[in-house]
């Protein structure tokens, strides 16, 4: 193999330092977009050159080597437990899709806010943080303040009472403009929409967007997104946010947070 592309390796290391793992699927899809033969050569080289070590629990998952941890410093996240990697990979795929298209202004992972409770209060705008979403991100809007969004991935169906508690926690997130739930199936999606269906959520514009994460399309954003009885494709959702920032859209099925300092300015 010729001299490896340092950018590919650097981006893979940066991702693993923040997320605590690297799967082969994510590496091929977002970091090493080459021929299949080249992808496999790079994947093997990540371990052979000492950047990563093979996970003992999952065949197609790597974790940072001790050498890489020393080079990357104290802020490196501990290796993620293999119990959570499948879930986190779904979150990461969504995140990388937005980042690749330059749509993100800032972002926070659940683990990062768990380690910094004070920042969690500030980011979410809660007096009490009863729940931390899997991902919080600021979505860029041309000519306007970014809109803060949350994402939760639901791989396992929960009870109605559990979803009710989750919904109540979102009422206090004053800095969150859009909440998204990626669901494993339509039954889970229906249960989440029911939890957020009371008048209080409607009046306070706290109706989340739901979608089936297995249908999420990272290249064209053609996946279907639902806000209560309103359906739109992800790409249309992004357009609505951009149009609203220009004053072209007066009604929308999601709430919006604007920083008070920005409003005064």
C-alpha atoms as a PDB file:
ATOM      1  CA  UNK A   1       0.000   0.000   0.000  1.00  0.00           C
ATOM      2  CA  UNK A   2       1.285   3.444  -0.883  1.00  0.00           C
ATOM      3  CA  UNK A   3       1.712   6.197   1.701  1.00  0.00           C
ATOM      4  CA  UNK A   4      -1.652   6.299   3.487  1.00  0.00           C
ATOM      5  CA  UNK A   5      -3.921   9.319   3.381  1.00  0.00           C
ATOM      6  CA  UNK A   6      -3.215  11.020   6.709  1.00  0.00           C
ATOM      7  CA  UNK A   7      -6.585  12.804   6.648  1.00  0.00           C
ATOM      8  CA  UNK A   8      -8.474   9.499   6.668  1.00  0.00           C
ATOM      9  CA  UNK A   9      -6.523   8.224   9.653  1.00  0.00           C
ATOM     10  CA  UNK A  10      -6.732  11.534  11.512  1.00  0.00           C
ATOM     11  CA  UNK A  11     -10.523  11.737  11.104  1.00  0.00           C
ATOM     12  CA  UNK A  12     -10.950   8.127  12.227  1.00  0.00           C
ATOM     13  CA  UNK A  13      -8.848   8.829  15.334  1.00  0.00           C
ATOM     14  CA  UNK A  14     -10.768  12.026  16.075  1.00  0.00           C
ATOM     15  CA  UNK A  15     -14.083  10.193  15.846  1.00  0.00           C
ATOM     16  CA  UNK A  16     -12.979   7.323  18.086  1.00  0.00           C
ATOM     17  CA  UNK A  17     -11.549   9.744  20.630  1.00  0.00           C
ATOM     18  CA  UNK A  18     -14.958  11.351  21.010  1.00  0.00           C
ATOM     19  CA  UNK A  19     -17.287   8.369  20.593  1.00  0.00           C
ATOM     20  CA  UNK A  20     -15.189   5.602  22.152  1.00  0.00           C
ATOM     21  CA  UNK A  21     -15.273   3.192  19.178  1.00  0.00           C
ATOM     22  CA  UNK A  22     -15.083   2.897  15.404  1.00  0.00           C
ATOM     23  CA  UNK A  23     -17.129   0.405  13.379  1.00  0.00           C
ATOM     24  CA  UNK A  24     -16.183  -0.809   9.939  1.00  0.00           C
ATOM     25  CA  UNK A  25     -19.493   0.340   8.432  1.00  0.00           C
ATOM     26  CA  UNK A  26     -19.022   3.914   9.664  1.00  0.00           C
ATOM     27  CA  UNK A  27     -15.392   3.946   8.545  1.00  0.00           C
ATOM     28  CA  UNK A  28     -16.264   2.812   5.028  1.00  0.00           C
ATOM     29  CA  UNK A  29     -19.286   5.099   4.676  1.00  0.00           C
ATOM     30  CA  UNK A  30     -17.883   8.353   6.066  1.00  0.00           C
ATOM     31  CA  UNK A  31     -14.096   8.257   6.439  1.00  0.00           C
ATOM     32  CA  UNK A  32     -12.750   6.072   3.643  1.00  0.00           C
ATOM     33  CA  UNK A  33     -14.905   6.552   0.561  1.00  0.00           C
ATOM     34  CA  UNK A  34     -12.703   4.603  -1.846  1.00  0.00           C
ATOM     35  CA  UNK A  35     -12.872   1.324  -3.715  1.00  0.00           C
ATOM     36  CA  UNK A  36     -13.774  -1.678  -1.590  1.00  0.00           C
ATOM     37  CA  UNK A  37     -10.265  -3.085  -1.874  1.00  0.00           C
ATOM     38  CA  UNK A  38      -8.735   0.157  -0.637  1.00  0.00           C
ATOM     39  CA  UNK A  39     -11.244   0.381   2.186  1.00  0.00           C
ATOM     40  CA  UNK A  40     -10.292  -3.048   3.495  1.00  0.00           C
ATOM     41  CA  UNK A  41      -6.584  -2.236   3.229  1.00  0.00           C
ATOM     42  CA  UNK A  42      -7.061   0.934   5.269  1.00  0.00           C
ATOM     43  CA  UNK A  43      -9.207  -0.904   7.835  1.00  0.00           C
ATOM     44  CA  UNK A  44      -6.488  -3.521   8.374  1.00  0.00           C
ATOM     45  CA  UNK A  45      -3.781  -0.854   8.508  1.00  0.00           C
ATOM     46  CA  UNK A  46      -5.526   1.014  11.339  1.00  0.00           C
ATOM     47  CA  UNK A  47      -4.635  -1.951  13.552  1.00  0.00           C
ATOM     48  CA  UNK A  48      -1.350  -2.998  11.917  1.00  0.00           C
ATOM     49  CA  UNK A  49       0.089   0.516  12.289  1.00  0.00           C
ATOM     50  CA  UNK A  50      -0.874   0.650  15.963  1.00  0.00           C
ATOM     51  CA  UNK A  51      -3.608   3.296  15.858  1.00  0.00           C
ATOM     52  CA  UNK A  52      -6.373   0.930  16.992  1.00  0.00           C
ATOM     53  CA  UNK A  53      -6.868  -2.463  18.575  1.00  0.00           C
ATOM     54  CA  UNK A  54      -9.512  -5.021  17.679  1.00  0.00           C
ATOM     55  CA  UNK A  55     -12.517  -5.206  19.997  1.00  0.00           C
ATOM     56  CA  UNK A  56     -12.650  -8.472  21.918  1.00  0.00           C
ATOM     57  CA  UNK A  57     -16.436  -8.553  21.682  1.00  0.00           C
ATOM     58  CA  UNK A  58     -17.288  -7.410  18.140  1.00  0.00           C
ATOM     59  CA  UNK A  59     -15.542  -8.485  14.978  1.00  0.00           C
ATOM     60  CA  UNK A  60     -16.023  -5.277  12.998  1.00  0.00           C
ATOM     61  CA  UNK A  61     -15.331  -2.791  15.809  1.00  0.00           C
ATOM     62  CA  UNK A  62     -12.062  -1.099  16.757  1.00  0.00           C
ATOM     63  CA  UNK A  63     -11.062   0.847  19.857  1.00  0.00           C
ATOM     64  CA  UNK A  64      -8.168   3.232  20.331  1.00  0.00           C
ATOM     65  CA  UNK A  65      -4.807   1.735  21.183  1.00  0.00           C
ATOM     66  CA  UNK A  66      -2.905   2.799  24.298  1.00  0.00           C
ATOM     67  CA  UNK A  67      -0.446   4.633  22.069  1.00  0.00           C
ATOM     68  CA  UNK A  68      -3.213   6.662  20.406  1.00  0.00           C
ATOM     69  CA  UNK A  69      -4.734   7.499  23.782  1.00  0.00           C
ATOM     70  CA  UNK A  70      -1.450   8.943  24.982  1.00  0.00           C
ATOM     71  CA  UNK A  71      -1.032  10.979  21.795  1.00  0.00           C
ATOM     72  CA  UNK A  72      -4.606  12.325  21.843  1.00  0.00           C
ATOM     73  CA  UNK A  73      -4.525  13.430  25.493  1.00  0.00           C
ATOM     74  CA  UNK A  74      -6.740  13.441  28.565  1.00  0.00           C
ATOM     75  CA  UNK A  75      -9.990  14.329  26.808  1.00  0.00           C
ATOM     76  CA  UNK A  76     -10.219  10.958  25.056  1.00  0.00           C
ATOM     77  CA  UNK A  77     -13.418   9.104  25.935  1.00  0.00           C
ATOM     78  CA  UNK A  78     -13.115   5.662  27.555  1.00  0.00           C
ATOM     79  CA  UNK A  79     -13.727   2.759  25.184  1.00  0.00           C
ATOM     80  CA  UNK A  80     -17.463   2.272  24.769  1.00  0.00           C
ATOM     81  CA  UNK A  81     -18.985  -0.925  26.129  1.00  0.00           C
ATOM     82  CA  UNK A  82     -19.909  -3.369  23.393  1.00  0.00           C
ATOM     83  CA  UNK A  83     -23.469  -3.405  24.781  1.00  0.00           C
ATOM     84  CA  UNK A  84     -24.025   0.163  23.514  1.00  0.00           C
ATOM     85  CA  UNK A  85     -22.089   0.246  20.261  1.00  0.00           C
ATOM     86  CA  UNK A  86     -24.975  -0.822  18.010  1.00  0.00           C
ATOM     87  CA  UNK A  87     -27.139   1.952  19.479  1.00  0.00           C
ATOM     88  CA  UNK A  88     -24.357   4.541  19.363  1.00  0.00           C
ATOM     89  CA  UNK A  89     -23.539   3.627  15.769  1.00  0.00           C
ATOM     90  CA  UNK A  90     -27.043   4.669  14.728  1.00  0.00           C
ATOM     91  CA  UNK A  91     -26.650   7.987  16.542  1.00  0.00           C
ATOM     92  CA  UNK A  92     -23.214   8.477  15.002  1.00  0.00           C
ATOM     93  CA  UNK A  93     -24.474   7.766  11.485  1.00  0.00           C
ATOM     94  CA  UNK A  94     -27.095  10.495  11.867  1.00  0.00           C
ATOM     95  CA  UNK A  95     -24.493  12.892  13.298  1.00  0.00           C
ATOM     96  CA  UNK A  96     -21.920  12.182  10.580  1.00  0.00           C
ATOM     97  CA  UNK A  97     -24.547  12.637   7.868  1.00  0.00           C
ATOM     98  CA  UNK A  98     -25.271  16.167   9.057  1.00  0.00           C
ATOM     99  CA  UNK A  99     -21.618  16.989   9.718  1.00  0.00           C
ATOM    100  CA  UNK A 100     -20.566  15.794   6.264  1.00  0.00           C
ATOM    101  CA  UNK A 101     -22.988  18.236   4.664  1.00  0.00           C
ATOM    102  CA  UNK A 102     -21.777  21.120   6.845  1.00  0.00           C
ATOM    103  CA  UNK A 103     -25.112  21.481   8.646  1.00  0.00           C
ATOM    104  CA  UNK A 104     -23.832  21.450  12.236  1.00  0.00           C
ATOM    105  CA  UNK A 105     -22.801  24.456  14.267  1.00  0.00           C
ATOM    106  CA  UNK A 106     -22.084  22.647  17.546  1.00  0.00           C
ATOM    107  CA  UNK A 107     -22.919  19.329  19.184  1.00  0.00           C
ATOM    108  CA  UNK A 108     -22.875  17.457  22.495  1.00  0.00           C
ATOM    109  CA  UNK A 109     -23.058  13.741  23.244  1.00  0.00           C
ATOM    110  CA  UNK A 110     -24.948  12.278  26.190  1.00  0.00           C
ATOM    111  CA  UNK A 111     -21.704  11.045  27.713  1.00  0.00           C
ATOM    112  CA  UNK A 112     -20.084  14.481  27.462  1.00  0.00           C
ATOM    113  CA  UNK A 113     -22.935  16.157  29.342  1.00  0.00           C
ATOM    114  CA  UNK A 114     -23.058  13.379  31.941  1.00  0.00           C
ATOM    115  CA  UNK A 115     -19.452  14.253  32.775  1.00  0.00           C
ATOM    116  CA  UNK A 116     -20.256  17.964  32.918  1.00  0.00           C
ATOM    117  CA  UNK A 117     -23.658  18.530  34.634  1.00  0.00           C
ATOM    118  CA  UNK A 118     -23.283  22.313  34.719  1.00  0.00           C
ATOM    119  CA  UNK A 119     -22.900  22.411  30.937  1.00  0.00           C
ATOM    120  CA  UNK A 120     -25.940  20.131  30.633  1.00  0.00           C
ATOM    121  CA  UNK A 121     -28.101  22.723  32.440  1.00  0.00           C
ATOM    122  CA  UNK A 122     -26.778  25.442  30.144  1.00  0.00           C
ATOM    123  CA  UNK A 123     -27.135  23.506  26.887  1.00  0.00           C
ATOM    124  CA  UNK A 124     -30.673  22.230  27.559  1.00  0.00           C
ATOM    125  CA  UNK A 125     -31.990  25.196  29.552  1.00  0.00           C
ATOM    126  CA  UNK A 126     -33.313  23.026  32.392  1.00  0.00           C
ATOM    127  CA  UNK A 127     -33.591  23.810  36.071  1.00  0.00           C
ATOM    128  CA  UNK A 128     -33.313  20.078  36.664  1.00  0.00           C
ATOM    129  CA  UNK A 129     -31.856  17.721  34.089  1.00  0.00           C
ATOM    130  CA  UNK A 130     -34.160  14.720  34.251  1.00  0.00           C
ATOM    131  CA  UNK A 131     -33.034  13.252  30.957  1.00  0.00           C
ATOM    132  CA  UNK A 132     -30.101  13.586  28.597  1.00  0.00           C
ATOM    133  CA  UNK A 133     -30.787  12.925  24.889  1.00  0.00           C
ATOM    134  CA  UNK A 134     -28.363  10.768  22.934  1.00  0.00           C
ATOM    135  CA  UNK A 135     -27.268  13.764  20.877  1.00  0.00           C
ATOM    136  CA  UNK A 136     -27.817  17.523  21.095  1.00  0.00           C
ATOM    137  CA  UNK A 137     -26.824  19.594  18.084  1.00  0.00           C
ATOM    138  CA  UNK A 138     -27.174  23.123  16.749  1.00  0.00           C
ATOM    139  CA  UNK A 139     -28.477  23.051  13.196  1.00  0.00           C
ATOM    140  CA  UNK A 140     -27.176  25.875  11.025  1.00  0.00           C
ATOM    141  CA  UNK A 141     -29.665  28.304   9.492  1.00  0.00           C
ATOM    142  CA  UNK A 142     -28.534  30.817   6.849  1.00  0.00           C
ATOM    143  CA  UNK A 143     -28.807  34.349   8.177  1.00  0.00           C
ATOM    144  CA  UNK A 144     -30.241  33.339  11.555  1.00  0.00           C
ATOM    145  CA  UNK A 145     -29.358  31.858  14.915  1.00  0.00           C
ATOM    146  CA  UNK A 146     -28.820  28.091  14.788  1.00  0.00           C
ATOM    147  CA  UNK A 147     -31.702  26.011  16.109  1.00  0.00           C
ATOM    148  CA  UNK A 148     -30.932  23.560  18.895  1.00  0.00           C
ATOM    149  CA  UNK A 149     -32.107  19.993  18.284  1.00  0.00           C
ATOM    150  CA  UNK A 150     -32.032  16.717  20.162  1.00  0.00           C
ATOM    151  CA  UNK A 151     -31.961  13.142  18.923  1.00  0.00           C
ATOM    152  CA  UNK A 152     -32.886   9.936  20.710  1.00  0.00           C
ATOM    153  CA  UNK A 153     -32.658   6.483  19.170  1.00  0.00           C
ATOM    154  CA  UNK A 154     -35.277   3.987  20.347  1.00  0.00           C
ATOM    155  CA  UNK A 155     -34.173   0.432  19.574  1.00  0.00           C
ATOM    156  CA  UNK A 156     -36.317  -1.205  22.265  1.00  0.00           C
ATOM    157  CA  UNK A 157     -39.995  -0.576  22.966  1.00  0.00           C
ATOM    158  CA  UNK A 158     -40.594   0.986  26.396  1.00  0.00           C
ATOM    159  CA  UNK A 159     -43.737   1.102  28.525  1.00  0.00           C
ATOM    160  CA  UNK A 160     -46.269   3.925  28.231  1.00  0.00           C
ATOM    161  CA  UNK A 161     -45.335   5.196  31.687  1.00  0.00           C
ATOM    162  CA  UNK A 162     -41.673   5.345  30.709  1.00  0.00           C
ATOM    163  CA  UNK A 163     -42.428   7.337  27.575  1.00  0.00           C
ATOM    164  CA  UNK A 164     -44.674   9.651  29.607  1.00  0.00           C
ATOM    165  CA  UNK A 165     -41.742  10.451  31.911  1.00  0.00           C
ATOM    166  CA  UNK A 166     -39.485  11.042  28.919  1.00  0.00           C
ATOM    167  CA  UNK A 167     -42.025  13.429  27.408  1.00  0.00           C
ATOM    168  CA  UNK A 168     -42.371  15.388  30.659  1.00  0.00           C
ATOM    169  CA  UNK A 169     -38.603  15.832  30.829  1.00  0.00           C
ATOM    170  CA  UNK A 170     -38.675  17.585  27.444  1.00  0.00           C
ATOM    171  CA  UNK A 171     -41.137  20.213  28.692  1.00  0.00           C
ATOM    172  CA  UNK A 172     -38.346  21.772  30.747  1.00  0.00           C
ATOM    173  CA  UNK A 173     -35.782  21.927  27.939  1.00  0.00           C
ATOM    174  CA  UNK A 174     -36.257  25.607  27.181  1.00  0.00           C
ATOM    175  CA  UNK A 175     -33.301  25.872  24.791  1.00  0.00           C
ATOM    176  CA  UNK A 176     -34.382  22.961  22.599  1.00  0.00           C
ATOM    177  CA  UNK A 177     -36.249  23.935  19.452  1.00  0.00           C
ATOM    178  CA  UNK A 178     -36.668  20.555  17.759  1.00  0.00           C
ATOM    179  CA  UNK A 179     -36.728  17.063  19.271  1.00  0.00           C
ATOM    180  CA  UNK A 180     -36.254  14.028  17.051  1.00  0.00           C
ATOM    181  CA  UNK A 181     -36.824  10.351  17.834  1.00  0.00           C
ATOM    182  CA  UNK A 182     -35.444   7.646  15.577  1.00  0.00           C
ATOM    183  CA  UNK A 183     -37.572   4.523  16.082  1.00  0.00           C
ATOM    184  CA  UNK A 184     -37.027   0.852  15.409  1.00  0.00           C
ATOM    185  CA  UNK A 185     -40.594   0.298  14.158  1.00  0.00           C
ATOM    186  CA  UNK A 186     -43.985   1.917  13.743  1.00  0.00           C
ATOM    187  CA  UNK A 187     -45.259   0.658  17.111  1.00  0.00           C
ATOM    188  CA  UNK A 188     -42.473   2.479  18.932  1.00  0.00           C
ATOM    189  CA  UNK A 189     -43.057   5.568  16.820  1.00  0.00           C
ATOM    190  CA  UNK A 190     -46.767   5.486  17.682  1.00  0.00           C
ATOM    191  CA  UNK A 191     -46.031   5.129  21.412  1.00  0.00           C
ATOM    192  CA  UNK A 192     -43.755   8.170  21.384  1.00  0.00           C
ATOM    193  CA  UNK A 193     -46.274  10.295  19.496  1.00  0.00           C
ATOM    194  CA  UNK A 194     -48.950   9.298  22.024  1.00  0.00           C
ATOM    195  CA  UNK A 195     -46.727  10.365  24.945  1.00  0.00           C
ATOM    196  CA  UNK A 196     -46.400  13.848  23.446  1.00  0.00           C
ATOM    197  CA  UNK A 197     -50.031  14.205  22.329  1.00  0.00           C
ATOM    198  CA  UNK A 198     -51.645  16.131  25.205  1.00  0.00           C
ATOM    199  CA  UNK A 199     -52.650  19.786  24.893  1.00  0.00           C
ATOM    200  CA  UNK A 200     -49.741  20.941  27.037  1.00  0.00           C
ATOM    201  CA  UNK A 201     -47.229  19.670  24.495  1.00  0.00           C
ATOM    202  CA  UNK A 202     -49.204  21.158  21.620  1.00  0.00           C
ATOM    203  CA  UNK A 203     -49.567  24.579  23.263  1.00  0.00           C
ATOM    204  CA  UNK A 204     -45.891  24.731  24.192  1.00  0.00           C
ATOM    205  CA  UNK A 205     -44.821  23.488  20.754  1.00  0.00           C
ATOM    206  CA  UNK A 206     -43.132  20.389  22.134  1.00  0.00           C
ATOM    207  CA  UNK A 207     -44.325  17.893  19.531  1.00  0.00           C
ATOM    208  CA  UNK A 208     -41.279  15.851  18.429  1.00  0.00           C
ATOM    209  CA  UNK A 209     -40.424  14.592  14.987  1.00  0.00           C
ATOM    210  CA  UNK A 210     -40.315  10.815  14.621  1.00  0.00           C
ATOM    211  CA  UNK A 211     -38.814   8.624  11.921  1.00  0.00           C
ATOM    212  CA  UNK A 212     -37.810   5.012  11.331  1.00  0.00           C
ATOM    213  CA  UNK A 213     -34.040   5.013  11.653  1.00  0.00           C
ATOM    214  CA  UNK A 214     -33.586   1.988   9.376  1.00  0.00           C
ATOM    215  CA  UNK A 215     -34.948   4.078   6.495  1.00  0.00           C
ATOM    216  CA  UNK A 216     -32.770   7.107   7.191  1.00  0.00           C
ATOM    217  CA  UNK A 217     -30.955   8.145   4.016  1.00  0.00           C
ATOM    218  CA  UNK A 218     -27.652   9.955   4.757  1.00  0.00           C
ATOM    219  CA  UNK A 219     -27.013  10.959   1.158  1.00  0.00           C
ATOM    220  CA  UNK A 220     -30.339  12.416  -0.008  1.00  0.00           C
ATOM    221  CA  UNK A 221     -32.248  12.857   3.285  1.00  0.00           C
ATOM    222  CA  UNK A 222     -35.340  11.327   1.694  1.00  0.00           C
ATOM    223  CA  UNK A 223     -36.458   9.612   4.900  1.00  0.00           C
ATOM    224  CA  UNK A 224     -39.943  10.420   6.115  1.00  0.00           C
ATOM    225  CA  UNK A 225     -40.212  12.611   9.218  1.00  0.00           C
ATOM    226  CA  UNK A 226     -43.468  13.037  11.168  1.00  0.00           C
ATOM    227  CA  UNK A 227     -44.562  15.853  13.482  1.00  0.00           C
ATOM    228  CA  UNK A 228     -47.973  14.787  14.882  1.00  0.00           C
ATOM    229  CA  UNK A 229     -50.167  14.626  11.749  1.00  0.00           C
ATOM    230  CA  UNK A 230     -47.667  16.462   9.557  1.00  0.00           C
ATOM    231  CA  UNK A 231     -45.302  14.449   7.390  1.00  0.00           C
ATOM    232  CA  UNK A 232     -42.313  15.682   5.425  1.00  0.00           C
ATOM    233  CA  UNK A 233     -39.016  14.397   4.136  1.00  0.00           C
ATOM    234  CA  UNK A 234     -35.863  15.286   6.043  1.00  0.00           C
ATOM    235  CA  UNK A 235     -34.667  17.485   3.205  1.00  0.00           C
ATOM    236  CA  UNK A 236     -37.963  19.423   3.356  1.00  0.00           C
ATOM    237  CA  UNK A 237     -37.597  19.772   7.124  1.00  0.00           C
ATOM    238  CA  UNK A 238     -34.187  21.388   6.586  1.00  0.00           C
ATOM    239  CA  UNK A 239     -35.693  23.688   3.963  1.00  0.00           C
ATOM    240  CA  UNK A 240     -38.508  24.757   6.297  1.00  0.00           C
ATOM    241  CA  UNK A 241     -35.966  25.749   8.937  1.00  0.00           C
ATOM    242  CA  UNK A 242     -33.978  27.759   6.387  1.00  0.00           C
ATOM    243  CA  UNK A 243     -37.107  29.455   5.006  1.00  0.00           C
ATOM    244  CA  UNK A 244     -38.313  30.332   8.480  1.00  0.00           C
ATOM    245  CA  UNK A 245     -34.986  32.010   9.214  1.00  0.00           C
ATOM    246  CA  UNK A 246     -35.733  34.340   6.288  1.00  0.00           C
ATOM    247  CA  UNK A 247     -39.255  35.109   7.435  1.00  0.00           C
ATOM    248  CA  UNK A 248     -40.957  33.056   4.724  1.00  0.00           C
ATOM    249  CA  UNK A 249     -42.521  30.476   6.985  1.00  0.00           C
ATOM    250  CA  UNK A 250     -44.975  31.557   9.705  1.00  0.00           C
ATOM    251  CA  UNK A 251     -46.338  28.189  10.748  1.00  0.00           C
ATOM    252  CA  UNK A 252     -44.246  25.153  11.550  1.00  0.00           C
ATOM    253  CA  UNK A 253     -44.849  21.877  13.393  1.00  0.00           C
ATOM    254  CA  UNK A 254     -41.913  22.321  15.751  1.00  0.00           C
ATOM    255  CA  UNK A 255     -40.876  24.857  18.377  1.00  0.00           C
ATOM    256  CA  UNK A 256     -37.998  27.246  18.100  1.00  0.00           C
ATOM    257  CA  UNK A 257     -35.517  28.498  20.675  1.00  0.00           C
ATOM    258  CA  UNK A 258     -33.899  31.874  20.223  1.00  0.00           C
ATOM    259  CA  UNK A 259     -31.208  33.076  22.588  1.00  0.00           C
ATOM    260  CA  UNK A 260     -32.449  36.128  24.502  1.00  0.00           C
ATOM    261  CA  UNK A 261     -29.145  37.919  23.910  1.00  0.00           C
ATOM    262  CA  UNK A 262     -29.596  37.473  20.166  1.00  0.00           C
ATOM    263  CA  UNK A 263     -33.157  38.829  20.331  1.00  0.00           C
ATOM    264  CA  UNK A 264     -32.025  41.930  22.227  1.00  0.00           C
ATOM    265  CA  UNK A 265     -29.174  42.514  19.816  1.00  0.00           C
END
